[in-house]
């Protein structure tokens, strides 16, 4: 299979003034595209050639194939985590947030702290654990909650290319503005999707066997 750059869920100017069209052009059109292009080169004629991004992430060892697949997936999830029609969480997700964190504002504070405290490049995530509880975590470089058996609900990119054109080196200001364009509706959809799986044992998605050519995790 040939991996394609997914379409953005909004126009290139939709997130202004918080994220400019220029940043979208560079971040999405160059960085995200680069991960897709590199992955296609790396997996061509390999045992990974017919696998989805999710499957590659699960079975690839640390290295270029994992890095490019994970970055391609992380970026697609990040774009979906943003919207020009921002609103606060509702329904069961809101009730869970209030129960665990006390308020949406407190959760936003913890996400901000995880993102601002991430040393170097990486990501901040709101995830759902297998028991249905929520958690905030940060991952470095291309690492993703998919490798940890957690269900991502929202992602914030804290690689420098996500904010440098608009905010120079001011990651804090970038993060303070992200809350205005957080796609809580997307988080709610992911939360609802995860409900039937809360008590389910995670499936073993590793590939094994003498002829697979891919190491099992």
N, C-alpha and C. Protein backbone atom coordinates (compact mmCIF):
# COMPACT_ATOMS: atom_id res chain seq x y z
N UNK A 1 0.85 -1.19 0.00
CA UNK A 1 0.00 0.00 0.00
C UNK A 1 0.89 1.25 0.00
N UNK A 2 0.41 2.27 -0.67
CA UNK A 2 1.10 3.55 -0.66
C UNK A 2 0.37 4.48 0.29
N UNK A 3 1.08 4.97 1.28
CA UNK A 3 0.48 5.86 2.25
C UNK A 3 0.33 7.26 1.65
N UNK A 4 -0.80 7.89 1.95
CA UNK A 4 -1.10 9.20 1.41
C UNK A 4 -1.20 10.23 2.53
N UNK A 5 -0.89 11.47 2.20
CA UNK A 5 -1.08 12.55 3.16
C UNK A 5 -2.58 12.79 3.31
N UNK A 6 -3.13 12.59 4.52
CA UNK A 6 -4.58 12.81 4.70
C UNK A 6 -4.94 14.28 4.50
N UNK A 7 -6.16 14.52 4.08
CA UNK A 7 -6.62 15.90 3.93
C UNK A 7 -6.80 16.54 5.30
N UNK A 8 -6.51 17.83 5.37
CA UNK A 8 -6.76 18.55 6.60
C UNK A 8 -8.27 18.64 6.86
N UNK A 9 -8.68 18.60 8.12
CA UNK A 9 -10.11 18.72 8.44
C UNK A 9 -10.59 20.17 8.48
N UNK A 10 -9.77 21.11 8.00
CA UNK A 10 -10.12 22.52 7.99
C UNK A 10 -9.30 23.19 6.89
N UNK A 11 -9.65 24.42 6.54
CA UNK A 11 -8.88 25.16 5.55
C UNK A 11 -7.58 25.65 6.17
N UNK A 12 -6.63 26.02 5.34
CA UNK A 12 -5.31 26.40 5.84
C UNK A 12 -5.34 27.66 6.70
N UNK A 13 -6.36 28.50 6.56
CA UNK A 13 -6.46 29.72 7.36
C UNK A 13 -7.46 29.61 8.51
N UNK A 14 -8.07 28.44 8.69
CA UNK A 14 -9.18 28.31 9.64
C UNK A 14 -8.75 28.51 11.09
N UNK A 15 -7.49 28.23 11.42
CA UNK A 15 -7.06 28.29 12.81
C UNK A 15 -6.44 29.64 13.19
N UNK A 16 -6.37 30.56 12.23
CA UNK A 16 -5.85 31.90 12.52
C UNK A 16 -6.79 32.62 13.50
N UNK A 17 -6.25 33.44 14.41
CA UNK A 17 -4.85 33.89 14.48
C UNK A 17 -3.95 33.00 15.33
N UNK A 18 -4.48 31.88 15.82
CA UNK A 18 -3.70 31.05 16.73
C UNK A 18 -2.64 30.23 16.01
N UNK A 19 -2.98 29.73 14.83
CA UNK A 19 -2.02 29.05 13.96
C UNK A 19 -2.24 29.60 12.56
N UNK A 20 -1.19 30.12 11.98
CA UNK A 20 -1.31 30.82 10.70
C UNK A 20 -1.31 29.87 9.52
N UNK A 21 -1.77 30.38 8.39
CA UNK A 21 -1.71 29.61 7.16
C UNK A 21 -0.30 29.28 6.77
N UNK A 22 0.65 30.16 7.08
CA UNK A 22 2.06 29.89 6.77
C UNK A 22 2.57 28.69 7.55
N UNK A 23 2.20 28.62 8.83
CA UNK A 23 2.60 27.45 9.63
C UNK A 23 1.97 26.18 9.09
N UNK A 24 0.70 26.25 8.70
CA UNK A 24 0.04 25.08 8.13
C UNK A 24 0.77 24.63 6.87
N UNK A 25 1.15 25.57 6.02
CA UNK A 25 1.85 25.23 4.78
C UNK A 25 3.14 24.48 5.06
N UNK A 26 3.88 24.93 6.06
CA UNK A 26 5.17 24.31 6.36
C UNK A 26 5.00 23.04 7.18
N UNK A 27 4.18 23.13 8.24
CA UNK A 27 4.02 22.00 9.15
C UNK A 27 3.33 20.82 8.46
N UNK A 28 2.21 21.09 7.83
CA UNK A 28 1.45 20.04 7.15
C UNK A 28 2.04 19.74 5.76
N UNK A 29 2.26 20.77 4.98
CA UNK A 29 2.66 20.56 3.59
C UNK A 29 4.08 20.08 3.41
N UNK A 30 4.95 20.34 4.39
CA UNK A 30 6.35 19.91 4.27
C UNK A 30 6.72 18.83 5.29
N UNK A 31 6.55 19.13 6.58
CA UNK A 31 6.95 18.16 7.60
C UNK A 31 6.10 16.89 7.56
N UNK A 32 4.79 17.05 7.63
CA UNK A 32 3.91 15.88 7.59
C UNK A 32 4.09 15.12 6.28
N UNK A 33 4.15 15.83 5.17
CA UNK A 33 4.36 15.18 3.88
C UNK A 33 5.67 14.42 3.84
N UNK A 34 6.70 14.98 4.46
CA UNK A 34 8.02 14.33 4.47
C UNK A 34 7.96 12.97 5.17
N UNK A 35 7.23 12.89 6.30
CA UNK A 35 7.12 11.61 6.99
C UNK A 35 6.42 10.57 6.11
N UNK A 36 5.40 10.99 5.39
CA UNK A 36 4.70 10.08 4.49
C UNK A 36 5.63 9.61 3.38
N UNK A 37 6.34 10.55 2.76
CA UNK A 37 7.23 10.21 1.64
C UNK A 37 8.35 9.27 2.10
N UNK A 38 8.95 9.57 3.25
CA UNK A 38 10.04 8.74 3.75
C UNK A 38 9.54 7.34 4.10
N UNK A 39 8.37 7.27 4.71
CA UNK A 39 7.83 5.95 5.07
C UNK A 39 7.61 5.11 3.82
N UNK A 40 7.04 5.69 2.78
CA UNK A 40 6.81 4.94 1.54
C UNK A 40 8.11 4.41 0.96
N UNK A 41 9.16 5.19 1.03
CA UNK A 41 10.46 4.73 0.54
C UNK A 41 10.99 3.58 1.39
N UNK A 42 10.84 3.70 2.70
CA UNK A 42 11.41 2.72 3.62
C UNK A 42 10.70 1.36 3.57
N UNK A 43 9.38 1.38 3.37
CA UNK A 43 8.63 0.12 3.43
C UNK A 43 8.45 -0.54 2.07
N UNK A 44 8.82 0.14 1.01
CA UNK A 44 8.64 -0.44 -0.33
C UNK A 44 9.35 -1.78 -0.43
N UNK A 45 8.62 -2.80 -0.93
CA UNK A 45 9.16 -4.15 -1.11
C UNK A 45 9.65 -4.78 0.19
N UNK A 46 9.06 -4.37 1.31
CA UNK A 46 9.43 -4.97 2.60
C UNK A 46 8.22 -5.68 3.19
N UNK A 47 8.44 -6.33 4.33
CA UNK A 47 7.34 -7.01 5.02
C UNK A 47 6.32 -6.02 5.59
N UNK A 48 6.67 -4.75 5.60
CA UNK A 48 5.77 -3.72 6.11
C UNK A 48 4.92 -3.09 5.00
N UNK A 49 5.15 -3.48 3.77
CA UNK A 49 4.59 -2.76 2.62
C UNK A 49 3.07 -2.70 2.62
N UNK A 50 2.40 -3.73 3.12
CA UNK A 50 0.93 -3.78 3.07
C UNK A 50 0.28 -3.49 4.42
N UNK A 51 1.06 -3.00 5.38
CA UNK A 51 0.52 -2.73 6.70
C UNK A 51 0.03 -1.30 6.83
N UNK A 52 -1.00 -1.10 7.64
CA UNK A 52 -1.47 0.25 7.96
C UNK A 52 -0.47 0.94 8.87
N UNK A 53 -0.64 2.25 9.03
CA UNK A 53 0.23 2.98 9.95
C UNK A 53 0.16 2.39 11.35
N UNK A 54 -1.06 2.09 11.82
CA UNK A 54 -1.23 1.55 13.17
C UNK A 54 -0.50 0.23 13.35
N UNK A 55 -0.57 -0.63 12.33
CA UNK A 55 0.10 -1.92 12.44
C UNK A 55 1.62 -1.77 12.39
N UNK A 56 2.10 -0.87 11.56
CA UNK A 56 3.54 -0.63 11.51
C UNK A 56 4.03 -0.13 12.86
N UNK A 57 3.29 0.79 13.47
CA UNK A 57 3.67 1.32 14.78
C UNK A 57 3.75 0.21 15.82
N UNK A 58 2.83 -0.74 15.75
CA UNK A 58 2.81 -1.81 16.74
C UNK A 58 3.96 -2.80 16.58
N UNK A 59 4.39 -3.06 15.36
CA UNK A 59 5.34 -4.15 15.15
C UNK A 59 6.75 -3.71 14.80
N UNK A 60 6.93 -2.48 14.35
CA UNK A 60 8.27 -2.05 13.92
C UNK A 60 9.16 -1.78 15.14
N UNK A 61 10.40 -2.22 15.10
CA UNK A 61 11.33 -1.89 16.19
C UNK A 61 11.73 -0.43 16.10
N UNK A 62 12.34 0.10 17.17
CA UNK A 62 12.80 1.49 17.11
C UNK A 62 13.71 1.71 15.91
N UNK A 63 13.50 2.82 15.23
CA UNK A 63 14.30 3.11 14.05
C UNK A 63 13.52 3.90 13.03
N UNK A 64 14.06 4.08 11.84
CA UNK A 64 13.45 4.96 10.84
C UNK A 64 12.02 4.58 10.44
N UNK A 65 11.72 3.30 10.29
CA UNK A 65 10.37 2.92 9.87
C UNK A 65 9.37 3.28 10.95
N UNK A 66 9.68 2.92 12.19
CA UNK A 66 8.77 3.30 13.29
C UNK A 66 8.64 4.80 13.38
N UNK A 67 9.75 5.52 13.34
CA UNK A 67 9.72 6.98 13.52
C UNK A 67 8.83 7.65 12.49
N UNK A 68 8.97 7.28 11.23
CA UNK A 68 8.19 7.93 10.18
C UNK A 68 6.72 7.52 10.22
N UNK A 69 6.45 6.25 10.52
CA UNK A 69 5.06 5.81 10.63
C UNK A 69 4.37 6.49 11.81
N UNK A 70 5.05 6.54 12.95
CA UNK A 70 4.47 7.15 14.13
C UNK A 70 4.28 8.65 13.96
N UNK A 71 5.24 9.31 13.34
CA UNK A 71 5.09 10.74 13.11
C UNK A 71 3.97 11.04 12.12
N UNK A 72 3.82 10.20 11.12
CA UNK A 72 2.71 10.38 10.17
C UNK A 72 1.38 10.23 10.90
N UNK A 73 1.27 9.20 11.75
CA UNK A 73 0.02 8.97 12.48
C UNK A 73 -0.22 10.07 13.51
N UNK A 74 0.82 10.43 14.27
CA UNK A 74 0.68 11.46 15.30
C UNK A 74 0.21 12.78 14.70
N UNK A 75 0.77 13.15 13.55
CA UNK A 75 0.39 14.41 12.94
C UNK A 75 -1.07 14.40 12.47
N UNK A 76 -1.50 13.30 11.87
CA UNK A 76 -2.89 13.22 11.45
C UNK A 76 -3.81 13.37 12.65
N UNK A 77 -3.45 12.75 13.77
CA UNK A 77 -4.26 12.85 14.98
C UNK A 77 -4.23 14.27 15.54
N UNK A 78 -3.09 14.91 15.46
CA UNK A 78 -2.97 16.30 15.93
C UNK A 78 -3.88 17.23 15.15
N UNK A 79 -3.88 17.11 13.81
CA UNK A 79 -4.75 17.99 13.02
C UNK A 79 -6.22 17.79 13.40
N UNK A 80 -6.61 16.56 13.66
CA UNK A 80 -7.99 16.28 14.05
C UNK A 80 -8.30 16.80 15.45
N UNK A 81 -7.26 17.04 16.24
CA UNK A 81 -7.44 17.55 17.60
C UNK A 81 -7.65 19.05 17.64
N UNK A 82 -7.60 19.68 16.46
CA UNK A 82 -7.76 21.14 16.36
C UNK A 82 -9.01 21.48 15.57
N UNK A 83 -9.60 22.61 15.86
CA UNK A 83 -10.81 23.04 15.16
C UNK A 83 -10.97 24.54 15.28
N UNK A 84 -11.62 25.13 14.31
CA UNK A 84 -11.93 26.56 14.40
C UNK A 84 -13.23 26.80 15.17
N UNK A 85 -13.93 25.73 15.53
CA UNK A 85 -15.20 25.85 16.25
C UNK A 85 -15.05 25.27 17.65
N UNK A 86 -14.12 25.82 18.40
CA UNK A 86 -13.82 25.27 19.71
C UNK A 86 -14.97 25.43 20.69
N UNK A 87 -15.19 24.41 21.50
CA UNK A 87 -16.16 24.46 22.59
C UNK A 87 -15.65 23.54 23.69
N UNK A 88 -16.24 23.62 24.85
CA UNK A 88 -15.83 22.80 25.98
C UNK A 88 -16.43 21.40 25.88
N UNK A 89 -15.86 20.42 26.60
CA UNK A 89 -16.40 19.05 26.58
C UNK A 89 -17.82 19.00 27.11
N UNK A 90 -18.52 17.95 26.70
CA UNK A 90 -19.90 17.76 27.15
C UNK A 90 -20.13 16.30 27.49
N UNK A 91 -21.30 16.01 28.00
CA UNK A 91 -21.76 14.63 28.19
C UNK A 91 -20.89 13.81 29.12
N UNK A 92 -20.75 12.53 28.79
CA UNK A 92 -20.03 11.61 29.65
C UNK A 92 -18.57 11.98 29.81
N UNK A 93 -17.96 12.50 28.74
CA UNK A 93 -16.57 12.93 28.85
C UNK A 93 -16.44 14.04 29.89
N UNK A 94 -17.34 15.00 29.87
CA UNK A 94 -17.30 16.08 30.85
C UNK A 94 -17.48 15.53 32.26
N UNK A 95 -18.38 14.61 32.43
CA UNK A 95 -18.59 14.03 33.76
C UNK A 95 -17.35 13.29 34.25
N UNK A 96 -16.69 12.59 33.35
CA UNK A 96 -15.47 11.88 33.72
C UNK A 96 -14.35 12.86 34.06
N UNK A 97 -14.24 13.93 33.29
CA UNK A 97 -13.23 14.96 33.57
C UNK A 97 -13.49 15.59 34.94
N UNK A 98 -14.73 15.96 35.21
CA UNK A 98 -15.05 16.58 36.49
C UNK A 98 -14.76 15.63 37.65
N UNK A 99 -15.04 14.35 37.46
CA UNK A 99 -14.81 13.37 38.52
C UNK A 99 -13.32 13.19 38.80
N UNK A 100 -12.52 13.13 37.74
CA UNK A 100 -11.09 12.85 37.92
C UNK A 100 -10.25 14.09 38.20
N UNK A 101 -10.56 15.19 37.49
CA UNK A 101 -9.70 16.36 37.57
C UNK A 101 -10.34 17.53 38.31
N UNK A 102 -11.64 17.46 38.57
CA UNK A 102 -12.32 18.54 39.26
C UNK A 102 -12.98 19.54 38.34
N UNK A 103 -12.36 19.77 37.17
CA UNK A 103 -12.92 20.72 36.21
C UNK A 103 -12.15 20.60 34.90
N UNK A 104 -12.75 21.12 33.84
CA UNK A 104 -12.06 21.17 32.55
C UNK A 104 -10.84 22.06 32.65
N UNK A 105 -10.96 23.16 33.39
CA UNK A 105 -9.85 24.08 33.54
C UNK A 105 -8.64 23.42 34.20
N UNK A 106 -8.90 22.55 35.16
CA UNK A 106 -7.80 21.86 35.83
C UNK A 106 -7.16 20.85 34.88
N UNK A 107 -7.98 20.17 34.08
CA UNK A 107 -7.43 19.26 33.08
C UNK A 107 -6.58 20.02 32.07
N UNK A 108 -7.08 21.16 31.59
CA UNK A 108 -6.32 21.96 30.64
C UNK A 108 -4.99 22.40 31.25
N UNK A 109 -4.99 22.70 32.54
CA UNK A 109 -3.76 23.08 33.23
C UNK A 109 -2.77 21.93 33.24
N UNK A 110 -3.25 20.70 33.47
CA UNK A 110 -2.35 19.55 33.51
C UNK A 110 -1.81 19.22 32.12
N UNK A 111 -2.65 19.38 31.09
CA UNK A 111 -2.17 19.18 29.72
C UNK A 111 -1.11 20.22 29.39
N UNK A 112 -1.36 21.46 29.77
CA UNK A 112 -0.41 22.55 29.55
C UNK A 112 0.92 22.23 30.23
N UNK A 113 0.87 21.76 31.47
CA UNK A 113 2.09 21.45 32.21
C UNK A 113 2.87 20.31 31.55
N UNK A 114 2.14 19.30 31.07
CA UNK A 114 2.81 18.18 30.39
C UNK A 114 3.48 18.65 29.11
N UNK A 115 2.77 19.50 28.35
CA UNK A 115 3.31 19.97 27.07
C UNK A 115 4.47 20.93 27.26
N UNK A 116 4.32 21.87 28.19
CA UNK A 116 5.38 22.85 28.41
C UNK A 116 6.60 22.22 29.07
N UNK A 117 6.38 21.15 29.83
CA UNK A 117 7.48 20.50 30.52
C UNK A 117 8.19 19.43 29.71
N UNK A 118 7.69 19.14 28.52
CA UNK A 118 8.33 18.14 27.67
C UNK A 118 9.67 18.69 27.18
N UNK A 119 10.75 18.06 27.60
CA UNK A 119 12.08 18.54 27.20
C UNK A 119 12.34 18.13 25.75
N UNK A 120 12.68 19.10 24.92
CA UNK A 120 12.95 18.81 23.53
C UNK A 120 11.67 18.54 22.77
N UNK A 121 11.80 17.80 21.68
CA UNK A 121 10.67 17.55 20.79
C UNK A 121 9.77 16.44 21.34
N UNK A 122 8.48 16.53 21.01
CA UNK A 122 7.58 15.48 21.45
C UNK A 122 6.13 15.89 21.37
N UNK A 123 5.33 15.25 22.23
CA UNK A 123 3.87 15.38 22.17
C UNK A 123 3.29 15.38 23.58
N UNK A 124 2.15 16.04 23.73
CA UNK A 124 1.34 15.91 24.95
C UNK A 124 0.01 15.31 24.55
N UNK A 125 -0.53 14.44 25.41
CA UNK A 125 -1.72 13.66 25.07
C UNK A 125 -2.71 13.64 26.21
N UNK A 126 -3.98 13.63 25.85
CA UNK A 126 -5.04 13.17 26.75
C UNK A 126 -5.40 11.78 26.27
N UNK A 127 -5.31 10.80 27.15
CA UNK A 127 -5.55 9.41 26.76
C UNK A 127 -6.56 8.77 27.71
N UNK A 128 -7.07 7.65 27.26
CA UNK A 128 -7.95 6.84 28.10
C UNK A 128 -7.26 5.51 28.37
N UNK A 129 -7.20 5.13 29.63
CA UNK A 129 -6.62 3.86 30.02
C UNK A 129 -7.61 2.73 29.77
N UNK A 130 -7.13 1.50 29.86
CA UNK A 130 -8.00 0.35 29.59
C UNK A 130 -9.12 0.22 30.62
N UNK A 131 -8.95 0.83 31.81
CA UNK A 131 -10.02 0.77 32.82
C UNK A 131 -11.04 1.89 32.67
N UNK A 132 -10.89 2.71 31.62
CA UNK A 132 -11.82 3.79 31.36
C UNK A 132 -11.42 5.12 31.94
N UNK A 133 -10.39 5.16 32.78
CA UNK A 133 -9.95 6.42 33.37
C UNK A 133 -9.15 7.23 32.35
N UNK A 134 -9.05 8.51 32.62
CA UNK A 134 -8.30 9.42 31.76
C UNK A 134 -6.92 9.68 32.35
N UNK A 135 -5.98 10.03 31.47
CA UNK A 135 -4.64 10.36 31.92
C UNK A 135 -4.03 11.37 30.96
N UNK A 136 -3.14 12.19 31.49
CA UNK A 136 -2.37 13.13 30.70
C UNK A 136 -0.93 12.63 30.68
N UNK A 137 -0.35 12.58 29.52
CA UNK A 137 1.05 12.14 29.43
C UNK A 137 1.76 12.86 28.31
N UNK A 138 3.07 12.85 28.38
CA UNK A 138 3.92 13.40 27.34
C UNK A 138 4.79 12.29 26.78
N UNK A 139 5.04 12.34 25.48
CA UNK A 139 5.94 11.39 24.84
C UNK A 139 6.99 12.16 24.07
N UNK A 140 8.18 11.58 23.96
CA UNK A 140 9.28 12.26 23.28
C UNK A 140 9.36 11.83 21.82
N UNK A 141 9.83 12.74 21.00
CA UNK A 141 10.09 12.46 19.58
C UNK A 141 8.86 11.87 18.89
N UNK A 142 8.98 10.65 18.33
CA UNK A 142 7.85 10.05 17.61
C UNK A 142 7.01 9.13 18.47
N UNK A 143 7.35 8.98 19.72
CA UNK A 143 6.63 8.01 20.56
C UNK A 143 5.16 8.38 20.67
N UNK A 144 4.34 7.35 20.83
CA UNK A 144 2.90 7.52 20.77
C UNK A 144 2.21 6.61 21.79
N UNK A 145 1.06 7.03 22.34
CA UNK A 145 0.33 6.18 23.29
C UNK A 145 -0.10 4.84 22.71
N UNK A 146 -0.17 4.73 21.39
CA UNK A 146 -0.55 3.46 20.78
C UNK A 146 0.39 2.34 21.22
N UNK A 147 1.67 2.66 21.44
CA UNK A 147 2.64 1.65 21.88
C UNK A 147 2.47 1.32 23.35
N UNK A 148 1.71 2.14 24.07
CA UNK A 148 1.52 1.92 25.50
C UNK A 148 0.18 1.27 25.81
N UNK A 149 -0.58 0.93 24.77
CA UNK A 149 -1.88 0.31 24.98
C UNK A 149 -2.93 1.27 25.48
N UNK A 150 -2.76 2.57 25.21
CA UNK A 150 -3.71 3.57 25.66
C UNK A 150 -4.44 4.17 24.46
N UNK A 151 -5.67 4.62 24.68
CA UNK A 151 -6.49 5.20 23.63
C UNK A 151 -6.30 6.71 23.60
N UNK A 152 -5.68 7.28 22.56
CA UNK A 152 -5.52 8.73 22.50
C UNK A 152 -6.87 9.41 22.28
N UNK A 153 -7.06 10.52 22.99
CA UNK A 153 -8.26 11.33 22.81
C UNK A 153 -7.93 12.68 22.17
N UNK A 154 -6.80 13.26 22.55
CA UNK A 154 -6.33 14.52 22.01
C UNK A 154 -4.81 14.51 21.97
N UNK A 155 -4.25 15.28 21.03
CA UNK A 155 -2.80 15.41 20.94
C UNK A 155 -2.41 16.86 20.75
N UNK A 156 -1.27 17.24 21.33
CA UNK A 156 -0.67 18.55 21.09
C UNK A 156 0.77 18.32 20.65
N UNK A 157 1.11 18.85 19.49
CA UNK A 157 2.46 18.74 18.95
C UNK A 157 3.34 19.79 19.61
N UNK A 158 4.42 19.37 20.25
CA UNK A 158 5.36 20.33 20.81
C UNK A 158 6.74 20.22 20.18
N UNK A 159 6.79 19.68 18.95
CA UNK A 159 7.98 19.85 18.15
C UNK A 159 8.08 21.33 17.78
N UNK A 160 9.28 21.82 17.64
CA UNK A 160 9.48 23.24 17.37
C UNK A 160 8.80 23.69 16.07
N UNK A 161 8.74 22.79 15.07
CA UNK A 161 8.14 23.20 13.80
C UNK A 161 6.64 23.47 13.92
N UNK A 162 6.03 23.08 15.04
CA UNK A 162 4.60 23.33 15.23
C UNK A 162 4.31 24.79 15.55
N UNK A 163 5.30 25.51 16.07
CA UNK A 163 5.00 26.86 16.56
C UNK A 163 6.06 27.91 16.24
N UNK A 164 7.19 27.51 15.67
CA UNK A 164 8.28 28.47 15.55
C UNK A 164 7.94 29.66 14.66
N UNK A 165 7.29 29.45 13.52
CA UNK A 165 6.99 30.56 12.62
C UNK A 165 6.05 31.58 13.26
N UNK A 166 5.08 31.10 14.04
CA UNK A 166 4.10 32.00 14.65
C UNK A 166 4.56 32.56 15.99
N UNK A 167 5.32 31.77 16.75
CA UNK A 167 5.63 32.16 18.12
C UNK A 167 7.13 32.21 18.41
N UNK A 168 7.96 32.01 17.38
CA UNK A 168 9.41 31.93 17.56
C UNK A 168 9.71 30.83 18.59
N UNK A 169 10.40 31.14 19.67
CA UNK A 169 10.71 30.09 20.65
C UNK A 169 9.75 30.07 21.83
N UNK A 170 8.61 30.74 21.70
CA UNK A 170 7.67 30.88 22.82
C UNK A 170 6.65 29.74 22.82
N UNK A 171 7.06 28.59 23.28
CA UNK A 171 6.16 27.44 23.35
C UNK A 171 4.98 27.72 24.27
N UNK A 172 5.23 28.45 25.36
CA UNK A 172 4.18 28.71 26.34
C UNK A 172 3.02 29.46 25.70
N UNK A 173 3.30 30.49 24.91
CA UNK A 173 2.22 31.25 24.28
C UNK A 173 1.45 30.39 23.29
N UNK A 174 2.18 29.56 22.55
CA UNK A 174 1.53 28.62 21.63
C UNK A 174 0.57 27.71 22.39
N UNK A 175 0.99 27.19 23.52
CA UNK A 175 0.15 26.27 24.29
C UNK A 175 -1.04 26.99 24.91
N UNK A 176 -0.84 28.21 25.34
CA UNK A 176 -1.96 28.96 25.90
C UNK A 176 -3.04 29.22 24.85
N UNK A 177 -2.63 29.36 23.60
CA UNK A 177 -3.60 29.61 22.53
C UNK A 177 -4.26 28.34 22.01
N UNK A 178 -3.60 27.21 22.16
CA UNK A 178 -4.16 25.94 21.68
C UNK A 178 -5.53 25.66 22.30
N UNK A 179 -5.70 26.09 23.55
CA UNK A 179 -6.98 25.80 24.22
C UNK A 179 -8.17 26.45 23.51
N UNK A 180 -7.91 27.49 22.73
CA UNK A 180 -9.00 28.15 22.01
C UNK A 180 -9.45 27.36 20.78
N UNK A 181 -8.61 26.43 20.33
CA UNK A 181 -8.92 25.67 19.12
C UNK A 181 -8.87 24.16 19.36
N UNK A 182 -9.01 23.76 20.62
CA UNK A 182 -9.02 22.33 20.95
C UNK A 182 -10.33 21.70 20.48
N UNK A 183 -10.23 20.60 19.80
CA UNK A 183 -11.41 19.93 19.25
C UNK A 183 -11.95 18.91 20.27
N UNK A 184 -12.72 19.40 21.21
CA UNK A 184 -13.28 18.51 22.23
C UNK A 184 -14.32 17.57 21.66
N UNK A 185 -14.95 17.96 20.56
CA UNK A 185 -15.88 17.04 19.91
C UNK A 185 -15.15 15.79 19.42
N UNK A 186 -13.95 15.97 18.88
CA UNK A 186 -13.12 14.84 18.45
C UNK A 186 -12.75 13.97 19.65
N UNK A 187 -12.41 14.61 20.77
CA UNK A 187 -12.09 13.85 21.98
C UNK A 187 -13.30 13.04 22.44
N UNK A 188 -14.48 13.64 22.37
CA UNK A 188 -15.70 12.94 22.77
C UNK A 188 -15.94 11.72 21.89
N UNK A 189 -15.73 11.85 20.59
CA UNK A 189 -15.92 10.72 19.67
C UNK A 189 -14.95 9.59 20.00
N UNK A 190 -13.70 9.94 20.30
CA UNK A 190 -12.73 8.92 20.67
C UNK A 190 -13.08 8.26 21.99
N UNK A 191 -13.59 9.06 22.91
CA UNK A 191 -13.99 8.54 24.22
C UNK A 191 -15.15 7.56 24.08
N UNK A 192 -16.13 7.91 23.29
CA UNK A 192 -17.28 7.03 23.06
C UNK A 192 -16.84 5.76 22.35
N UNK A 193 -15.95 5.90 21.38
CA UNK A 193 -15.47 4.74 20.63
C UNK A 193 -14.76 3.75 21.54
N UNK A 194 -14.12 4.23 22.57
CA UNK A 194 -13.35 3.37 23.46
C UNK A 194 -14.21 2.64 24.47
N UNK A 195 -15.45 3.08 24.68
CA UNK A 195 -16.26 2.50 25.75
C UNK A 195 -16.43 0.99 25.67
N UNK A 196 -16.75 0.40 24.51
CA UNK A 196 -16.93 -1.05 24.49
C UNK A 196 -15.66 -1.83 24.78
N UNK A 197 -14.51 -1.15 24.70
CA UNK A 197 -13.24 -1.84 24.88
C UNK A 197 -12.72 -1.75 26.30
N UNK A 198 -13.40 -1.05 27.17
CA UNK A 198 -12.82 -0.78 28.48
C UNK A 198 -12.51 -2.04 29.27
N UNK A 199 -13.36 -3.03 29.14
CA UNK A 199 -13.14 -4.26 29.90
C UNK A 199 -12.57 -5.37 29.03
N UNK A 200 -12.24 -5.01 27.79
CA UNK A 200 -11.72 -6.02 26.88
C UNK A 200 -10.22 -6.14 27.00
N UNK A 201 -9.74 -7.33 26.81
CA UNK A 201 -8.30 -7.56 26.82
C UNK A 201 -7.73 -7.07 25.50
N UNK A 202 -6.65 -6.25 25.52
CA UNK A 202 -6.10 -5.75 24.27
C UNK A 202 -5.68 -6.88 23.35
N UNK A 203 -6.01 -6.74 22.07
CA UNK A 203 -5.65 -7.76 21.10
C UNK A 203 -4.15 -7.77 20.87
N UNK A 204 -3.60 -8.96 20.64
CA UNK A 204 -2.19 -9.09 20.30
C UNK A 204 -2.03 -8.81 18.82
N UNK A 205 -1.49 -7.65 18.49
CA UNK A 205 -1.37 -7.24 17.10
C UNK A 205 0.03 -7.48 16.57
N UNK A 206 0.89 -8.13 17.38
CA UNK A 206 2.24 -8.36 16.90
C UNK A 206 2.25 -9.44 15.83
N UNK A 207 3.24 -9.37 14.97
CA UNK A 207 3.43 -10.38 13.94
C UNK A 207 4.59 -11.26 14.37
N UNK A 208 4.45 -12.54 14.19
CA UNK A 208 5.52 -13.45 14.55
C UNK A 208 5.57 -14.57 13.55
N UNK A 209 6.57 -15.42 13.72
CA UNK A 209 6.69 -16.55 12.81
C UNK A 209 8.00 -16.49 12.06
N UNK A 210 8.48 -17.65 11.69
CA UNK A 210 9.79 -17.73 11.07
C UNK A 210 9.85 -17.01 9.76
N UNK A 211 8.74 -16.88 9.05
CA UNK A 211 8.76 -16.31 7.72
C UNK A 211 8.26 -14.86 7.68
N UNK A 212 7.93 -14.31 8.83
CA UNK A 212 7.37 -12.96 8.80
C UNK A 212 8.41 -11.91 8.50
N UNK A 213 9.62 -12.12 8.99
CA UNK A 213 10.66 -11.12 8.78
C UNK A 213 10.51 -9.91 9.66
N UNK A 214 9.49 -9.88 10.55
CA UNK A 214 9.25 -8.75 11.43
C UNK A 214 9.27 -9.25 12.86
N UNK A 215 10.09 -8.63 13.71
CA UNK A 215 10.19 -9.11 15.10
C UNK A 215 8.92 -8.85 15.85
N UNK A 216 8.50 -9.81 16.67
CA UNK A 216 7.33 -9.62 17.53
C UNK A 216 7.69 -8.72 18.67
N UNK A 217 6.72 -7.93 19.14
CA UNK A 217 6.95 -7.04 20.26
C UNK A 217 6.72 -7.79 21.57
